[in-house]
Amino acid sequence: MTIHPPPSSEYKIAKGWAIFIYVFIPGLIALFIWLFIQSFINPEFKGGIGWFFMAVAPPMIIGMAIGIKDTYVRQLIINNHSITSIGAFSQRELQFHEIKGFMVRSGTCLWNTDSKHRFFRAFRVSTIVSNPAL
């Protein structure tokens, strides 16, 4: 018996994780912006700790902003012919006829493909996704 998915199913990051990210990460971004500004204007931050925050804060702010954008944009779309993963900076599609096997490792499903151009093409799907339509 073959199980076929509905004509098209869309999955996003689970609602609980999304709420956590939308609430917690902006606070961390504000903290790192404050620490970065303090390293310039506060005399107590001059020296070693100030240099540390000047170096660490900008990449952390950028990384967390990218994380928020990825949380908003990330989708997994399964239709009758393919599986498509849409992220903040990429879109990957895997046709069902290309799949030669899969592995499940610690909550992540990896599909192996028979692509001749790539020895091993891993296509990850995490278990922290949900279908908002359900």
N, C-alpha and C. Protein backbone atom coordinates (compact mmCIF):
# COMPACT_ATOMS: atom_id res chain seq x y z
N MET A 1 0.85 -1.18 0.00
CA MET A 1 0.00 0.00 0.00
C MET A 1 0.89 1.24 0.00
N THR A 2 0.68 2.11 -0.95
CA THR A 2 1.45 3.34 -1.06
C THR A 2 0.65 4.49 -0.46
N ILE A 3 1.30 5.28 0.36
CA ILE A 3 0.67 6.44 0.95
C ILE A 3 1.08 7.66 0.15
N HIS A 4 0.12 8.41 -0.32
CA HIS A 4 0.38 9.61 -1.09
C HIS A 4 0.00 10.83 -0.25
N PRO A 5 0.84 11.87 -0.26
CA PRO A 5 0.47 13.08 0.47
C PRO A 5 -0.65 13.82 -0.27
N PRO A 6 -1.32 14.73 0.42
CA PRO A 6 -2.32 15.56 -0.26
C PRO A 6 -1.68 16.30 -1.43
N PRO A 7 -2.46 16.88 -2.33
CA PRO A 7 -1.89 17.55 -3.50
C PRO A 7 -0.74 18.50 -3.16
N SER A 8 -0.83 19.23 -2.10
CA SER A 8 0.27 20.08 -1.68
C SER A 8 0.14 20.34 -0.18
N SER A 9 1.20 20.08 0.56
CA SER A 9 1.22 20.33 2.00
C SER A 9 2.34 21.31 2.30
N GLU A 10 2.03 22.33 3.07
CA GLU A 10 3.03 23.32 3.46
C GLU A 10 3.27 23.23 4.95
N TYR A 11 4.54 23.24 5.34
CA TYR A 11 4.92 23.16 6.73
C TYR A 11 5.85 24.32 7.07
N LYS A 12 5.68 24.87 8.27
CA LYS A 12 6.53 25.94 8.77
C LYS A 12 7.07 25.52 10.12
N ILE A 13 7.95 26.33 10.68
CA ILE A 13 8.47 26.04 12.01
C ILE A 13 7.30 26.00 13.00
N ALA A 14 7.37 25.13 13.99
CA ALA A 14 6.28 24.97 14.94
C ALA A 14 5.95 26.30 15.62
N LYS A 15 4.67 26.51 15.89
CA LYS A 15 4.19 27.79 16.41
C LYS A 15 4.86 28.15 17.74
N GLY A 16 5.06 27.18 18.61
CA GLY A 16 5.71 27.44 19.89
C GLY A 16 7.13 27.94 19.73
N TRP A 17 7.89 27.30 18.83
CA TRP A 17 9.25 27.75 18.56
C TRP A 17 9.26 29.14 17.93
N ALA A 18 8.34 29.38 17.02
CA ALA A 18 8.28 30.69 16.36
C ALA A 18 7.97 31.79 17.37
N ILE A 19 7.02 31.56 18.27
CA ILE A 19 6.70 32.57 19.29
C ILE A 19 7.91 32.80 20.18
N PHE A 20 8.58 31.73 20.59
CA PHE A 20 9.78 31.86 21.42
C PHE A 20 10.84 32.71 20.72
N ILE A 21 11.07 32.45 19.45
CA ILE A 21 12.08 33.20 18.69
C ILE A 21 11.66 34.65 18.53
N TYR A 22 10.39 34.90 18.20
CA TYR A 22 9.92 36.28 17.99
C TYR A 22 9.93 37.09 19.29
N VAL A 23 9.81 36.45 20.44
CA VAL A 23 9.79 37.17 21.72
C VAL A 23 11.20 37.30 22.30
N PHE A 24 11.97 36.23 22.27
CA PHE A 24 13.26 36.18 22.96
C PHE A 24 14.39 36.86 22.17
N ILE A 25 14.48 36.61 20.89
CA ILE A 25 15.60 37.11 20.09
C ILE A 25 15.63 38.64 19.96
N PRO A 26 14.51 39.34 19.78
CA PRO A 26 14.60 40.81 19.75
C PRO A 26 15.17 41.39 21.05
N GLY A 27 14.87 40.77 22.19
CA GLY A 27 15.45 41.21 23.45
C GLY A 27 16.96 41.03 23.46
N LEU A 28 17.43 39.90 22.93
CA LEU A 28 18.88 39.69 22.83
C LEU A 28 19.53 40.67 21.86
N ILE A 29 18.85 40.96 20.77
CA ILE A 29 19.39 41.95 19.82
C ILE A 29 19.51 43.31 20.50
N ALA A 30 18.49 43.70 21.26
CA ALA A 30 18.54 44.98 21.98
C ALA A 30 19.68 44.98 23.00
N LEU A 31 19.89 43.85 23.69
CA LEU A 31 20.99 43.75 24.65
C LEU A 31 22.34 43.93 23.96
N PHE A 32 22.55 43.26 22.84
CA PHE A 32 23.83 43.38 22.14
C PHE A 32 24.03 44.76 21.54
N ILE A 33 22.95 45.41 21.09
CA ILE A 33 23.08 46.80 20.61
C ILE A 33 23.49 47.69 21.77
N TRP A 34 22.85 47.51 22.93
CA TRP A 34 23.20 48.31 24.11
C TRP A 34 24.65 48.08 24.52
N LEU A 35 25.10 46.83 24.55
CA LEU A 35 26.49 46.54 24.91
C LEU A 35 27.46 47.14 23.90
N PHE A 36 27.10 47.11 22.63
CA PHE A 36 27.96 47.69 21.60
C PHE A 36 28.08 49.20 21.79
N ILE A 37 26.96 49.87 22.05
CA ILE A 37 26.98 51.32 22.27
C ILE A 37 27.74 51.66 23.55
N GLN A 38 27.52 50.86 24.60
CA GLN A 38 28.21 51.11 25.87
C GLN A 38 29.73 50.99 25.73
N SER A 39 30.19 50.13 24.85
CA SER A 39 31.63 49.97 24.67
C SER A 39 32.27 51.24 24.10
N PHE A 40 31.47 52.13 23.51
CA PHE A 40 32.00 53.40 23.00
C PHE A 40 31.83 54.55 23.99
N ILE A 41 30.70 54.60 24.71
CA ILE A 41 30.41 55.79 25.50
C ILE A 41 30.67 55.63 27.00
N ASN A 42 30.72 54.43 27.51
CA ASN A 42 30.90 54.21 28.94
C ASN A 42 32.38 53.99 29.26
N PRO A 43 32.98 54.82 30.14
CA PRO A 43 34.40 54.64 30.45
C PRO A 43 34.70 53.31 31.14
N GLU A 44 33.72 52.72 31.82
CA GLU A 44 33.96 51.42 32.47
C GLU A 44 34.11 50.30 31.44
N PHE A 45 33.60 50.51 30.24
CA PHE A 45 33.69 49.49 29.20
C PHE A 45 34.95 49.66 28.34
N LYS A 46 35.73 50.68 28.60
CA LYS A 46 36.96 50.87 27.82
C LYS A 46 37.94 49.77 28.17
N GLY A 47 38.74 49.39 27.21
CA GLY A 47 39.74 48.35 27.46
C GLY A 47 39.29 47.00 26.95
N GLY A 48 39.66 45.95 27.66
CA GLY A 48 39.45 44.57 27.21
C GLY A 48 38.01 44.20 26.95
N ILE A 49 37.12 44.47 27.92
CA ILE A 49 35.73 44.08 27.76
C ILE A 49 35.04 44.90 26.66
N GLY A 50 35.43 46.16 26.53
CA GLY A 50 34.87 47.00 25.46
C GLY A 50 35.26 46.48 24.09
N TRP A 51 36.53 46.11 23.93
CA TRP A 51 36.98 45.54 22.65
C TRP A 51 36.25 44.23 22.36
N PHE A 52 36.03 43.46 23.41
CA PHE A 52 35.31 42.19 23.24
C PHE A 52 33.90 42.43 22.69
N PHE A 53 33.17 43.38 23.32
CA PHE A 53 31.80 43.66 22.85
C PHE A 53 31.78 44.31 21.48
N MET A 54 32.80 45.11 21.15
CA MET A 54 32.87 45.69 19.80
C MET A 54 33.05 44.61 18.75
N ALA A 55 33.77 43.55 19.10
CA ALA A 55 34.01 42.47 18.14
C ALA A 55 32.86 41.46 18.08
N VAL A 56 32.23 41.19 19.21
CA VAL A 56 31.23 40.13 19.28
C VAL A 56 29.82 40.61 18.93
N ALA A 57 29.48 41.83 19.32
CA ALA A 57 28.10 42.31 19.18
C ALA A 57 27.61 42.38 17.72
N PRO A 58 28.35 42.98 16.79
CA PRO A 58 27.81 43.05 15.41
C PRO A 58 27.50 41.70 14.77
N PRO A 59 28.40 40.69 14.85
CA PRO A 59 28.02 39.40 14.26
C PRO A 59 26.83 38.75 14.96
N MET A 60 26.71 38.94 16.28
CA MET A 60 25.57 38.38 16.99
C MET A 60 24.27 39.05 16.56
N ILE A 61 24.29 40.37 16.41
CA ILE A 61 23.10 41.10 15.98
C ILE A 61 22.69 40.65 14.58
N ILE A 62 23.64 40.57 13.67
CA ILE A 62 23.35 40.15 12.30
C ILE A 62 22.84 38.71 12.27
N GLY A 63 23.50 37.82 13.01
CA GLY A 63 23.08 36.42 13.04
C GLY A 63 21.68 36.23 13.60
N MET A 64 21.35 36.96 14.66
CA MET A 64 20.01 36.83 15.24
C MET A 64 18.95 37.45 14.32
N ALA A 65 19.28 38.53 13.62
CA ALA A 65 18.33 39.11 12.66
C ALA A 65 18.07 38.13 11.51
N ILE A 66 19.11 37.47 11.06
CA ILE A 66 18.94 36.45 10.02
C ILE A 66 18.08 35.30 10.54
N GLY A 67 18.28 34.92 11.81
CA GLY A 67 17.47 33.86 12.41
C GLY A 67 15.99 34.21 12.46
N ILE A 68 15.68 35.46 12.79
CA ILE A 68 14.29 35.89 12.81
C ILE A 68 13.70 35.86 11.40
N LYS A 69 14.48 36.35 10.43
CA LYS A 69 13.99 36.32 9.04
C LYS A 69 13.78 34.89 8.56
N ASP A 70 14.70 33.99 8.90
CA ASP A 70 14.58 32.61 8.48
C ASP A 70 13.38 31.94 9.13
N THR A 71 13.10 32.27 10.38
CA THR A 71 11.92 31.74 11.06
C THR A 71 10.65 32.16 10.34
N TYR A 72 10.61 33.39 9.87
CA TYR A 72 9.43 33.90 9.18
C TYR A 72 9.28 33.29 7.78
N VAL A 73 10.38 33.10 7.07
CA VAL A 73 10.35 32.68 5.67
C VAL A 73 10.36 31.15 5.50
N ARG A 74 11.02 30.42 6.39
CA ARG A 74 11.26 28.98 6.23
C ARG A 74 9.97 28.20 6.01
N GLN A 75 9.96 27.39 4.95
CA GLN A 75 8.82 26.54 4.60
C GLN A 75 9.32 25.22 4.04
N LEU A 76 8.52 24.21 4.22
CA LEU A 76 8.73 22.93 3.57
C LEU A 76 7.45 22.62 2.83
N ILE A 77 7.55 22.44 1.51
CA ILE A 77 6.38 22.19 0.68
C ILE A 77 6.53 20.81 0.06
N ILE A 78 5.53 19.97 0.27
CA ILE A 78 5.52 18.62 -0.29
C ILE A 78 4.32 18.54 -1.23
N ASN A 79 4.60 18.22 -2.49
CA ASN A 79 3.51 18.01 -3.44
C ASN A 79 3.67 16.63 -4.07
N ASN A 80 2.93 16.34 -5.10
CA ASN A 80 2.95 15.00 -5.69
C ASN A 80 4.25 14.65 -6.41
N HIS A 81 5.08 15.65 -6.72
CA HIS A 81 6.27 15.40 -7.51
C HIS A 81 7.58 15.70 -6.79
N SER A 82 7.53 16.56 -5.76
CA SER A 82 8.80 16.99 -5.16
C SER A 82 8.62 17.45 -3.72
N ILE A 83 9.76 17.65 -3.08
CA ILE A 83 9.84 18.25 -1.76
C ILE A 83 10.67 19.52 -1.94
N THR A 84 10.16 20.65 -1.47
CA THR A 84 10.84 21.93 -1.63
C THR A 84 11.06 22.55 -0.26
N SER A 85 12.29 22.98 -0.02
CA SER A 85 12.63 23.68 1.21
C SER A 85 12.97 25.12 0.85
N ILE A 86 12.26 26.07 1.47
CA ILE A 86 12.49 27.49 1.21
C ILE A 86 13.02 28.11 2.49
N GLY A 87 14.19 28.76 2.39
CA GLY A 87 14.79 29.41 3.54
C GLY A 87 15.03 30.88 3.27
N ALA A 88 15.73 31.53 4.19
CA ALA A 88 15.99 32.96 4.07
C ALA A 88 16.85 33.27 2.84
N PHE A 89 17.80 32.40 2.53
CA PHE A 89 18.73 32.67 1.42
C PHE A 89 18.77 31.57 0.38
N SER A 90 17.93 30.56 0.52
CA SER A 90 18.02 29.46 -0.45
C SER A 90 16.66 28.82 -0.67
N GLN A 91 16.56 28.14 -1.79
CA GLN A 91 15.40 27.33 -2.11
C GLN A 91 15.93 26.06 -2.74
N ARG A 92 15.63 24.93 -2.12
CA ARG A 92 16.09 23.65 -2.64
C ARG A 92 14.90 22.77 -2.96
N GLU A 93 14.99 22.10 -4.09
CA GLU A 93 13.91 21.21 -4.50
C GLU A 93 14.50 19.84 -4.78
N LEU A 94 13.79 18.82 -4.34
CA LEU A 94 14.21 17.45 -4.53
C LEU A 94 13.04 16.69 -5.15
N GLN A 95 13.24 16.22 -6.38
CA GLN A 95 12.21 15.44 -7.07
C GLN A 95 12.16 14.04 -6.45
N PHE A 96 10.97 13.46 -6.37
CA PHE A 96 10.84 12.13 -5.78
C PHE A 96 11.62 11.06 -6.54
N HIS A 97 11.74 11.20 -7.86
CA HIS A 97 12.47 10.19 -8.63
C HIS A 97 13.97 10.24 -8.37
N GLU A 98 14.48 11.32 -7.77
CA GLU A 98 15.90 11.44 -7.45
C GLU A 98 16.28 10.75 -6.13
N ILE A 99 15.30 10.44 -5.30
CA ILE A 99 15.58 9.91 -3.97
C ILE A 99 15.94 8.43 -4.08
N LYS A 100 17.09 8.08 -3.48
CA LYS A 100 17.49 6.67 -3.44
C LYS A 100 17.43 6.09 -2.03
N GLY A 101 17.25 6.93 -1.03
CA GLY A 101 17.12 6.45 0.34
C GLY A 101 17.07 7.61 1.31
N PHE A 102 16.89 7.28 2.57
CA PHE A 102 16.87 8.34 3.58
C PHE A 102 17.38 7.78 4.90
N MET A 103 17.77 8.69 5.80
CA MET A 103 18.21 8.34 7.15
C MET A 103 17.53 9.31 8.11
N VAL A 104 17.28 8.84 9.32
CA VAL A 104 16.76 9.71 10.36
C VAL A 104 17.80 9.74 11.47
N ARG A 105 18.32 10.93 11.75
CA ARG A 105 19.32 11.11 12.80
C ARG A 105 18.86 12.21 13.75
N SER A 106 18.69 11.88 14.98
CA SER A 106 18.37 12.82 16.06
C SER A 106 17.34 13.87 15.63
N GLY A 107 16.20 13.43 15.17
CA GLY A 107 15.12 14.33 14.85
C GLY A 107 15.21 15.02 13.51
N THR A 108 16.15 14.64 12.67
CA THR A 108 16.30 15.23 11.35
C THR A 108 16.27 14.14 10.30
N CYS A 109 15.49 14.34 9.25
CA CYS A 109 15.40 13.38 8.16
C CYS A 109 16.34 13.83 7.04
N LEU A 110 17.25 12.95 6.62
CA LEU A 110 18.19 13.23 5.54
C LEU A 110 17.85 12.33 4.36
N TRP A 111 17.67 12.91 3.17
CA TRP A 111 17.40 12.13 1.98
C TRP A 111 18.66 12.06 1.14
N ASN A 112 19.00 10.86 0.70
CA ASN A 112 20.11 10.66 -0.22
C ASN A 112 19.56 10.63 -1.64
N THR A 113 20.29 11.27 -2.55
CA THR A 113 19.82 11.31 -3.93
C THR A 113 20.76 10.53 -4.83
N ASP A 114 20.26 10.19 -6.00
CA ASP A 114 21.08 9.48 -6.98
C ASP A 114 21.67 10.44 -8.02
N SER A 115 21.81 11.70 -7.64
CA SER A 115 22.33 12.70 -8.56
C SER A 115 23.76 12.34 -8.97
N LYS A 116 24.05 12.38 -10.26
CA LYS A 116 25.39 12.05 -10.76
C LYS A 116 26.36 13.21 -10.55
N HIS A 117 25.83 14.41 -10.34
CA HIS A 117 26.68 15.57 -10.16
C HIS A 117 27.15 15.73 -8.71
N ARG A 118 26.46 15.10 -7.79
CA ARG A 118 26.84 15.19 -6.39
C ARG A 118 26.91 13.78 -5.83
N PHE A 119 27.97 13.51 -5.08
CA PHE A 119 28.12 12.18 -4.49
C PHE A 119 27.03 11.92 -3.46
N PHE A 120 26.81 12.88 -2.57
CA PHE A 120 25.81 12.73 -1.52
C PHE A 120 25.14 14.08 -1.32
N ARG A 121 23.88 14.15 -1.61
CA ARG A 121 23.14 15.40 -1.44
C ARG A 121 22.19 15.21 -0.27
N ALA A 122 22.50 15.84 0.83
CA ALA A 122 21.65 15.74 2.00
C ALA A 122 20.60 16.84 1.96
N PHE A 123 19.41 16.47 2.21
CA PHE A 123 18.28 17.40 2.22
C PHE A 123 17.65 17.24 3.59
N ARG A 124 17.84 18.23 4.47
CA ARG A 124 17.42 18.10 5.86
C ARG A 124 16.01 18.63 6.09
N VAL A 125 15.31 17.91 6.93
CA VAL A 125 14.01 18.37 7.41
C VAL A 125 13.99 18.10 8.91
N SER A 126 13.83 19.15 9.68
CA SER A 126 13.81 19.01 11.12
C SER A 126 12.42 18.62 11.60
N THR A 127 12.35 18.08 12.80
CA THR A 127 11.06 17.69 13.34
C THR A 127 10.34 18.83 14.05
N ILE A 128 10.92 20.03 14.06
CA ILE A 128 10.25 21.14 14.73
C ILE A 128 9.43 21.95 13.73
N VAL A 129 8.83 21.26 12.77
CA VAL A 129 7.95 21.92 11.81
C VAL A 129 6.52 21.49 12.08
N SER A 130 5.58 22.32 11.70
CA SER A 130 4.17 21.97 11.85
C SER A 130 3.41 22.49 10.64
N ASN A 131 2.25 21.95 10.45
CA ASN A 131 1.39 22.38 9.37
C ASN A 131 0.41 23.41 9.94
N PRO A 132 0.56 24.71 9.55
CA PRO A 132 -0.33 25.72 10.12
C PRO A 132 -1.80 25.53 9.76
N ALA A 133 -2.08 24.75 8.72
CA ALA A 133 -3.46 24.53 8.31
C ALA A 133 -4.19 23.55 9.25
N LEU A 134 -3.41 22.79 10.02
CA LEU A 134 -4.05 21.79 10.91
C LEU A 134 -4.52 22.40 12.18
